[in-house]
Amino acid sequence: VFTSWSVTCIVLEAAMLFTICLAVGIGFWIGDGKALLPTISDTWTVPPASYISRFFIGLGCLFFQVVNFAIYHANTKNRPTASCCSADKTNKCLLVSSVVAIFALSWVGSICDSAKDTCRGNNNVHLAFAYSFF
């Protein structure tokens, strides 16, 4: 028991130390003005790639919604009426939350976060839908 407890403590301390070192390293990297990685919203921003990505993100979200409704239907299809209470409410709640989240994701993919001519977006709308998605 003592051995497994000490191994667990060592692993947790190493994970905390790694996280602290990573955060400090990223802080120094960004503090020097270097971009760590491009954001998702900053990729595919040059036309025609921006319009192609917007189309396929919308199409992917549409197919994702179809799959969500199929999963909901499969989960509620042959359920006995006696088990109506919490499982049905949970399934309906999950369906509604997934519909709202994927709708917001489709708008995040369609609205760029920059007002440049290559993007023609609105950062406020983009962020509002991004927060709604997450």
N, C-alpha and C. Protein backbone atom coordinates (compact mmCIF):
# COMPACT_ATOMS: atom_id res chain seq x y z
N VAL A 1 0.83 -1.19 0.00
CA VAL A 1 0.00 0.00 0.00
C VAL A 1 0.87 1.25 0.00
N PHE A 2 1.93 1.26 0.79
CA PHE A 2 2.79 2.43 0.87
C PHE A 2 3.47 2.69 -0.47
N THR A 3 3.86 1.63 -1.15
CA THR A 3 4.54 1.79 -2.44
C THR A 3 3.61 2.40 -3.47
N SER A 4 2.39 1.93 -3.56
CA SER A 4 1.47 2.48 -4.55
C SER A 4 1.10 3.93 -4.22
N TRP A 5 0.98 4.25 -2.93
CA TRP A 5 0.68 5.61 -2.53
C TRP A 5 1.83 6.54 -2.89
N SER A 6 3.06 6.11 -2.65
CA SER A 6 4.21 6.97 -2.97
C SER A 6 4.38 7.14 -4.48
N VAL A 7 4.10 6.10 -5.24
CA VAL A 7 4.17 6.21 -6.69
C VAL A 7 3.12 7.20 -7.19
N THR A 8 1.92 7.13 -6.64
CA THR A 8 0.86 8.05 -7.02
C THR A 8 1.26 9.49 -6.71
N CYS A 9 1.83 9.71 -5.55
CA CYS A 9 2.26 11.07 -5.17
C CYS A 9 3.35 11.57 -6.11
N ILE A 10 4.28 10.72 -6.46
CA ILE A 10 5.37 11.12 -7.35
C ILE A 10 4.82 11.48 -8.73
N VAL A 11 3.90 10.69 -9.23
CA VAL A 11 3.30 10.97 -10.54
C VAL A 11 2.52 12.29 -10.50
N LEU A 12 1.75 12.52 -9.45
CA LEU A 12 1.00 13.77 -9.35
C LEU A 12 1.92 14.98 -9.22
N GLU A 13 2.98 14.87 -8.43
CA GLU A 13 3.92 15.97 -8.30
C GLU A 13 4.64 16.24 -9.62
N ALA A 14 4.99 15.19 -10.34
CA ALA A 14 5.63 15.38 -11.65
C ALA A 14 4.67 16.04 -12.64
N ALA A 15 3.40 15.67 -12.60
CA ALA A 15 2.42 16.29 -13.50
C ALA A 15 2.24 17.77 -13.16
N MET A 16 2.19 18.11 -11.87
CA MET A 16 2.07 19.51 -11.48
C MET A 16 3.30 20.30 -11.89
N LEU A 17 4.49 19.74 -11.70
CA LEU A 17 5.72 20.41 -12.08
C LEU A 17 5.79 20.63 -13.59
N PHE A 18 5.39 19.61 -14.35
CA PHE A 18 5.36 19.74 -15.80
C PHE A 18 4.40 20.83 -16.24
N THR A 19 3.22 20.89 -15.63
CA THR A 19 2.22 21.90 -15.98
C THR A 19 2.74 23.30 -15.67
N ILE A 20 3.37 23.46 -14.53
CA ILE A 20 3.92 24.77 -14.17
C ILE A 20 5.01 25.18 -15.15
N CYS A 21 5.91 24.26 -15.47
CA CYS A 21 6.99 24.58 -16.43
C CYS A 21 6.42 24.91 -17.81
N LEU A 22 5.39 24.17 -18.23
CA LEU A 22 4.77 24.44 -19.52
C LEU A 22 4.12 25.82 -19.53
N ALA A 23 3.41 26.17 -18.46
CA ALA A 23 2.75 27.48 -18.40
C ALA A 23 3.77 28.61 -18.40
N VAL A 24 4.86 28.45 -17.65
CA VAL A 24 5.89 29.48 -17.62
C VAL A 24 6.57 29.60 -18.99
N GLY A 25 6.84 28.47 -19.62
CA GLY A 25 7.45 28.49 -20.95
C GLY A 25 6.57 29.15 -21.98
N ILE A 26 5.28 28.85 -21.96
CA ILE A 26 4.35 29.48 -22.90
C ILE A 26 4.26 30.97 -22.62
N GLY A 27 4.27 31.34 -21.33
CA GLY A 27 4.21 32.75 -20.97
C GLY A 27 5.40 33.52 -21.50
N PHE A 28 6.60 32.95 -21.39
CA PHE A 28 7.78 33.61 -21.94
C PHE A 28 7.75 33.66 -23.46
N TRP A 29 7.26 32.60 -24.10
CA TRP A 29 7.19 32.54 -25.55
C TRP A 29 6.25 33.62 -26.08
N ILE A 30 5.05 33.71 -25.50
CA ILE A 30 4.08 34.70 -25.94
C ILE A 30 4.52 36.11 -25.52
N GLY A 31 5.18 36.22 -24.37
CA GLY A 31 5.66 37.51 -23.91
C GLY A 31 6.68 38.13 -24.85
N ASP A 32 7.40 37.29 -25.60
CA ASP A 32 8.36 37.79 -26.58
C ASP A 32 7.69 38.23 -27.87
N GLY A 33 6.38 38.08 -27.95
CA GLY A 33 5.66 38.48 -29.16
C GLY A 33 5.58 37.41 -30.22
N LYS A 34 5.98 36.20 -29.90
CA LYS A 34 5.92 35.11 -30.86
C LYS A 34 4.56 34.42 -30.74
N ALA A 35 3.96 34.11 -31.86
CA ALA A 35 2.69 33.36 -31.84
C ALA A 35 2.99 31.90 -31.55
N LEU A 36 2.29 31.34 -30.60
CA LEU A 36 2.52 29.94 -30.26
C LEU A 36 2.00 29.03 -31.37
N LEU A 37 0.73 29.12 -31.67
CA LEU A 37 0.11 28.37 -32.75
C LEU A 37 -1.00 29.24 -33.35
N PRO A 38 -1.31 29.06 -34.62
CA PRO A 38 -2.45 29.81 -35.16
C PRO A 38 -3.75 29.26 -34.58
N THR A 39 -4.72 30.12 -34.40
CA THR A 39 -6.01 29.65 -33.91
C THR A 39 -6.78 29.01 -35.05
N ILE A 40 -7.80 28.28 -34.70
CA ILE A 40 -8.62 27.64 -35.73
C ILE A 40 -9.25 28.71 -36.61
N SER A 41 -9.63 29.83 -36.01
CA SER A 41 -10.28 30.89 -36.77
C SER A 41 -9.31 31.60 -37.71
N ASP A 42 -8.03 31.36 -37.56
CA ASP A 42 -7.03 32.04 -38.37
C ASP A 42 -6.50 31.17 -39.51
N THR A 43 -7.08 30.04 -39.72
CA THR A 43 -6.66 29.17 -40.82
C THR A 43 -7.66 29.28 -41.96
N TRP A 44 -7.21 29.01 -43.13
CA TRP A 44 -8.03 29.04 -44.35
C TRP A 44 -8.63 30.43 -44.54
N THR A 45 -7.88 31.48 -44.33
CA THR A 45 -8.44 32.82 -44.39
C THR A 45 -8.27 33.52 -45.73
N VAL A 46 -7.53 32.96 -46.64
CA VAL A 46 -7.32 33.61 -47.94
C VAL A 46 -8.31 33.04 -48.95
N PRO A 47 -9.10 33.90 -49.62
CA PRO A 47 -10.05 33.39 -50.62
C PRO A 47 -9.31 32.67 -51.73
N PRO A 48 -9.85 31.67 -52.35
CA PRO A 48 -11.18 31.11 -52.16
C PRO A 48 -11.26 30.08 -51.04
N ALA A 49 -10.15 29.81 -50.36
CA ALA A 49 -10.16 28.78 -49.32
C ALA A 49 -11.12 29.13 -48.19
N SER A 50 -11.26 30.41 -47.87
CA SER A 50 -12.16 30.78 -46.78
C SER A 50 -13.61 30.44 -47.12
N TYR A 51 -13.99 30.60 -48.38
CA TYR A 51 -15.38 30.30 -48.76
C TYR A 51 -15.60 28.80 -48.87
N ILE A 52 -14.59 28.08 -49.32
CA ILE A 52 -14.69 26.62 -49.40
C ILE A 52 -14.81 26.03 -48.00
N SER A 53 -14.01 26.51 -47.07
CA SER A 53 -14.07 25.98 -45.71
C SER A 53 -15.41 26.33 -45.06
N ARG A 54 -15.94 27.52 -45.31
CA ARG A 54 -17.23 27.90 -44.74
C ARG A 54 -18.34 26.99 -45.26
N PHE A 55 -18.30 26.68 -46.55
CA PHE A 55 -19.32 25.80 -47.12
C PHE A 55 -19.25 24.41 -46.50
N PHE A 56 -18.05 23.85 -46.40
CA PHE A 56 -17.93 22.49 -45.89
C PHE A 56 -18.16 22.41 -44.39
N ILE A 57 -17.87 23.46 -43.65
CA ILE A 57 -18.21 23.45 -42.23
C ILE A 57 -19.72 23.45 -42.05
N GLY A 58 -20.42 24.26 -42.83
CA GLY A 58 -21.88 24.24 -42.78
C GLY A 58 -22.46 22.90 -43.17
N LEU A 59 -21.90 22.30 -44.23
CA LEU A 59 -22.36 20.99 -44.67
C LEU A 59 -22.08 19.92 -43.62
N GLY A 60 -20.90 19.99 -43.02
CA GLY A 60 -20.56 19.03 -41.96
C GLY A 60 -21.48 19.17 -40.75
N CYS A 61 -21.83 20.39 -40.40
CA CYS A 61 -22.75 20.61 -39.27
C CYS A 61 -24.14 20.08 -39.60
N LEU A 62 -24.56 20.22 -40.85
CA LEU A 62 -25.85 19.68 -41.25
C LEU A 62 -25.87 18.16 -41.10
N PHE A 63 -24.83 17.50 -41.59
CA PHE A 63 -24.75 16.04 -41.46
C PHE A 63 -24.65 15.61 -39.99
N PHE A 64 -23.95 16.41 -39.19
CA PHE A 64 -23.83 16.13 -37.77
C PHE A 64 -25.21 16.18 -37.11
N GLN A 65 -26.05 17.15 -37.50
CA GLN A 65 -27.40 17.23 -36.95
C GLN A 65 -28.23 16.01 -37.35
N VAL A 66 -28.09 15.57 -38.58
CA VAL A 66 -28.82 14.38 -39.03
C VAL A 66 -28.42 13.18 -38.19
N VAL A 67 -27.14 13.03 -37.93
CA VAL A 67 -26.66 11.92 -37.10
C VAL A 67 -27.20 12.05 -35.68
N ASN A 68 -27.25 13.25 -35.14
CA ASN A 68 -27.80 13.43 -33.78
C ASN A 68 -29.25 13.00 -33.70
N PHE A 69 -30.06 13.38 -34.70
CA PHE A 69 -31.46 12.97 -34.70
C PHE A 69 -31.59 11.45 -34.87
N ALA A 70 -30.70 10.85 -35.66
CA ALA A 70 -30.72 9.39 -35.81
C ALA A 70 -30.37 8.71 -34.49
N ILE A 71 -29.39 9.23 -33.78
CA ILE A 71 -29.03 8.66 -32.49
C ILE A 71 -30.17 8.80 -31.50
N TYR A 72 -30.80 9.98 -31.49
CA TYR A 72 -31.94 10.19 -30.59
C TYR A 72 -33.06 9.21 -30.92
N HIS A 73 -33.35 9.05 -32.20
CA HIS A 73 -34.41 8.12 -32.60
C HIS A 73 -34.06 6.68 -32.22
N ALA A 74 -32.81 6.30 -32.39
CA ALA A 74 -32.38 4.94 -32.03
C ALA A 74 -32.47 4.71 -30.52
N ASN A 75 -32.19 5.73 -29.75
CA ASN A 75 -32.25 5.59 -28.29
C ASN A 75 -33.68 5.56 -27.75
N THR A 76 -34.62 6.15 -28.46
CA THR A 76 -35.99 6.22 -27.96
C THR A 76 -36.95 5.31 -28.71
N LYS A 77 -36.48 4.58 -29.67
CA LYS A 77 -37.34 3.83 -30.58
C LYS A 77 -38.14 2.73 -29.87
N ASN A 78 -37.51 1.76 -29.33
CA ASN A 78 -38.20 0.60 -28.75
C ASN A 78 -38.17 0.63 -27.22
N ARG A 79 -38.24 1.79 -26.66
CA ARG A 79 -38.21 1.91 -25.21
C ARG A 79 -39.61 1.65 -24.65
N PRO A 80 -39.72 0.81 -23.62
CA PRO A 80 -41.03 0.58 -23.01
C PRO A 80 -41.58 1.85 -22.38
N THR A 81 -42.86 1.99 -22.35
CA THR A 81 -43.48 3.21 -21.80
C THR A 81 -43.32 3.31 -20.29
N ALA A 82 -43.06 2.22 -19.61
CA ALA A 82 -42.91 2.26 -18.15
C ALA A 82 -41.64 2.98 -17.73
N SER A 83 -40.64 3.02 -18.60
CA SER A 83 -39.37 3.67 -18.25
C SER A 83 -39.31 5.09 -18.80
N CYS A 84 -40.42 5.79 -18.75
CA CYS A 84 -40.53 7.07 -19.44
C CYS A 84 -39.81 8.22 -18.74
N CYS A 85 -39.53 8.12 -17.49
CA CYS A 85 -39.19 9.30 -16.71
C CYS A 85 -37.85 9.92 -17.07
N SER A 86 -36.79 9.52 -16.41
CA SER A 86 -35.54 10.27 -16.53
C SER A 86 -34.80 10.00 -17.84
N ALA A 87 -34.89 8.81 -18.38
CA ALA A 87 -34.15 8.50 -19.61
C ALA A 87 -34.68 9.33 -20.78
N ASP A 88 -35.99 9.45 -20.91
CA ASP A 88 -36.55 10.23 -22.01
C ASP A 88 -36.23 11.71 -21.86
N LYS A 89 -36.30 12.22 -20.64
CA LYS A 89 -35.96 13.63 -20.42
C LYS A 89 -34.49 13.88 -20.69
N THR A 90 -33.66 12.94 -20.30
CA THR A 90 -32.22 13.08 -20.55
C THR A 90 -31.93 13.07 -22.05
N ASN A 91 -32.56 12.15 -22.77
CA ASN A 91 -32.34 12.09 -24.22
C ASN A 91 -32.81 13.37 -24.91
N LYS A 92 -33.96 13.89 -24.50
CA LYS A 92 -34.47 15.13 -25.10
C LYS A 92 -33.56 16.31 -24.77
N CYS A 93 -33.09 16.35 -23.53
CA CYS A 93 -32.18 17.43 -23.13
C CYS A 93 -30.87 17.37 -23.92
N LEU A 94 -30.34 16.17 -24.09
CA LEU A 94 -29.11 16.01 -24.87
C LEU A 94 -29.32 16.38 -26.34
N LEU A 95 -30.49 16.02 -26.88
CA LEU A 95 -30.78 16.38 -28.27
C LEU A 95 -30.86 17.89 -28.43
N VAL A 96 -31.56 18.56 -27.54
CA VAL A 96 -31.69 20.01 -27.63
C VAL A 96 -30.33 20.69 -27.48
N SER A 97 -29.54 20.24 -26.51
CA SER A 97 -28.22 20.86 -26.31
C SER A 97 -27.31 20.62 -27.51
N SER A 98 -27.38 19.44 -28.12
CA SER A 98 -26.54 19.18 -29.30
C SER A 98 -27.01 20.00 -30.50
N VAL A 99 -28.32 20.19 -30.64
CA VAL A 99 -28.83 21.01 -31.75
C VAL A 99 -28.35 22.45 -31.61
N VAL A 100 -28.45 22.99 -30.40
CA VAL A 100 -28.01 24.37 -30.17
C VAL A 100 -26.50 24.50 -30.37
N ALA A 101 -25.73 23.55 -29.85
CA ALA A 101 -24.27 23.62 -29.96
C ALA A 101 -23.81 23.51 -31.41
N ILE A 102 -24.39 22.62 -32.17
CA ILE A 102 -23.95 22.45 -33.56
C ILE A 102 -24.43 23.61 -34.42
N PHE A 103 -25.60 24.17 -34.11
CA PHE A 103 -26.03 25.37 -34.80
C PHE A 103 -25.03 26.50 -34.56
N ALA A 104 -24.59 26.66 -33.31
CA ALA A 104 -23.59 27.69 -33.00
C ALA A 104 -22.26 27.39 -33.69
N LEU A 105 -21.88 26.12 -33.76
CA LEU A 105 -20.64 25.75 -34.45
C LEU A 105 -20.71 26.10 -35.92
N SER A 106 -21.87 25.92 -36.54
CA SER A 106 -21.99 26.27 -37.96
C SER A 106 -21.79 27.77 -38.18
N TRP A 107 -22.24 28.59 -37.24
CA TRP A 107 -22.04 30.03 -37.35
C TRP A 107 -20.59 30.40 -37.06
N VAL A 108 -19.95 29.70 -36.13
CA VAL A 108 -18.54 29.98 -35.84
C VAL A 108 -17.70 29.70 -37.09
N GLY A 109 -18.00 28.62 -37.77
CA GLY A 109 -17.26 28.29 -38.98
C GLY A 109 -17.56 29.20 -40.14
N SER A 110 -18.73 29.82 -40.13
CA SER A 110 -19.13 30.67 -41.25
C SER A 110 -18.73 32.12 -41.10
N ILE A 111 -18.55 32.57 -39.87
CA ILE A 111 -18.23 33.98 -39.62
C ILE A 111 -16.78 34.07 -39.18
N CYS A 112 -16.00 34.76 -39.95
CA CYS A 112 -14.59 34.95 -39.64
C CYS A 112 -14.44 35.92 -38.47
N ASP A 113 -13.31 35.88 -37.80
CA ASP A 113 -13.11 36.75 -36.63
C ASP A 113 -12.38 38.04 -36.98
N SER A 114 -12.18 38.31 -38.25
CA SER A 114 -11.46 39.51 -38.67
C SER A 114 -12.31 40.30 -39.66
N ALA A 115 -12.13 41.60 -39.67
CA ALA A 115 -12.86 42.46 -40.61
C ALA A 115 -12.06 42.75 -41.87
N LYS A 116 -10.97 42.05 -42.11
CA LYS A 116 -10.16 42.26 -43.31
C LYS A 116 -10.96 41.92 -44.56
N ASP A 117 -10.50 42.43 -45.69
CA ASP A 117 -11.19 42.16 -46.95
C ASP A 117 -11.17 40.69 -47.32
N THR A 118 -10.15 39.96 -46.90
CA THR A 118 -10.09 38.54 -47.21
C THR A 118 -11.05 37.73 -46.36
N CYS A 119 -11.51 38.31 -45.27
CA CYS A 119 -12.33 37.58 -44.32
C CYS A 119 -13.76 38.11 -44.25
N ARG A 120 -13.89 39.43 -44.13
CA ARG A 120 -15.18 40.11 -44.02
C ARG A 120 -16.04 39.54 -42.90
N GLY A 121 -15.46 39.45 -41.72
CA GLY A 121 -16.17 38.87 -40.59
C GLY A 121 -16.43 39.88 -39.49
N ASN A 122 -16.91 39.38 -38.38
CA ASN A 122 -17.20 40.19 -37.22
C ASN A 122 -16.78 39.39 -35.99
N ASN A 123 -15.79 39.89 -35.28
CA ASN A 123 -15.25 39.15 -34.15
C ASN A 123 -16.27 39.00 -33.03
N ASN A 124 -17.12 39.99 -32.79
CA ASN A 124 -18.10 39.90 -31.71
C ASN A 124 -19.11 38.78 -31.96
N VAL A 125 -19.61 38.70 -33.18
CA VAL A 125 -20.56 37.64 -33.52
C VAL A 125 -19.87 36.29 -33.47
N HIS A 126 -18.65 36.23 -34.01
CA HIS A 126 -17.87 34.99 -34.01
C HIS A 126 -17.67 34.49 -32.57
N LEU A 127 -17.26 35.37 -31.67
CA LEU A 127 -17.03 34.96 -30.28
C LEU A 127 -18.32 34.60 -29.56
N ALA A 128 -19.40 35.31 -29.83
CA ALA A 128 -20.68 34.97 -29.19
C ALA A 128 -21.12 33.56 -29.54
N PHE A 129 -21.00 33.19 -30.81
CA PHE A 129 -21.37 31.82 -31.20
C PHE A 129 -20.34 30.81 -30.72
N ALA A 130 -19.06 31.19 -30.65
CA ALA A 130 -18.06 30.27 -30.12
C ALA A 130 -18.32 29.96 -28.65
N TYR A 131 -18.66 30.98 -27.88
CA TYR A 131 -18.98 30.74 -26.46
C TYR A 131 -20.25 29.91 -26.34
N SER A 132 -21.22 30.13 -27.21
CA SER A 132 -22.45 29.34 -27.17
C SER A 132 -22.17 27.88 -27.51
N PHE A 133 -21.26 27.65 -28.45
CA PHE A 133 -20.92 26.28 -28.83
C PHE A 133 -20.27 25.55 -27.67
N PHE A 134 -19.30 26.19 -27.03
CA PHE A 134 -18.60 25.51 -25.95
C PHE A 134 -19.43 25.50 -24.69
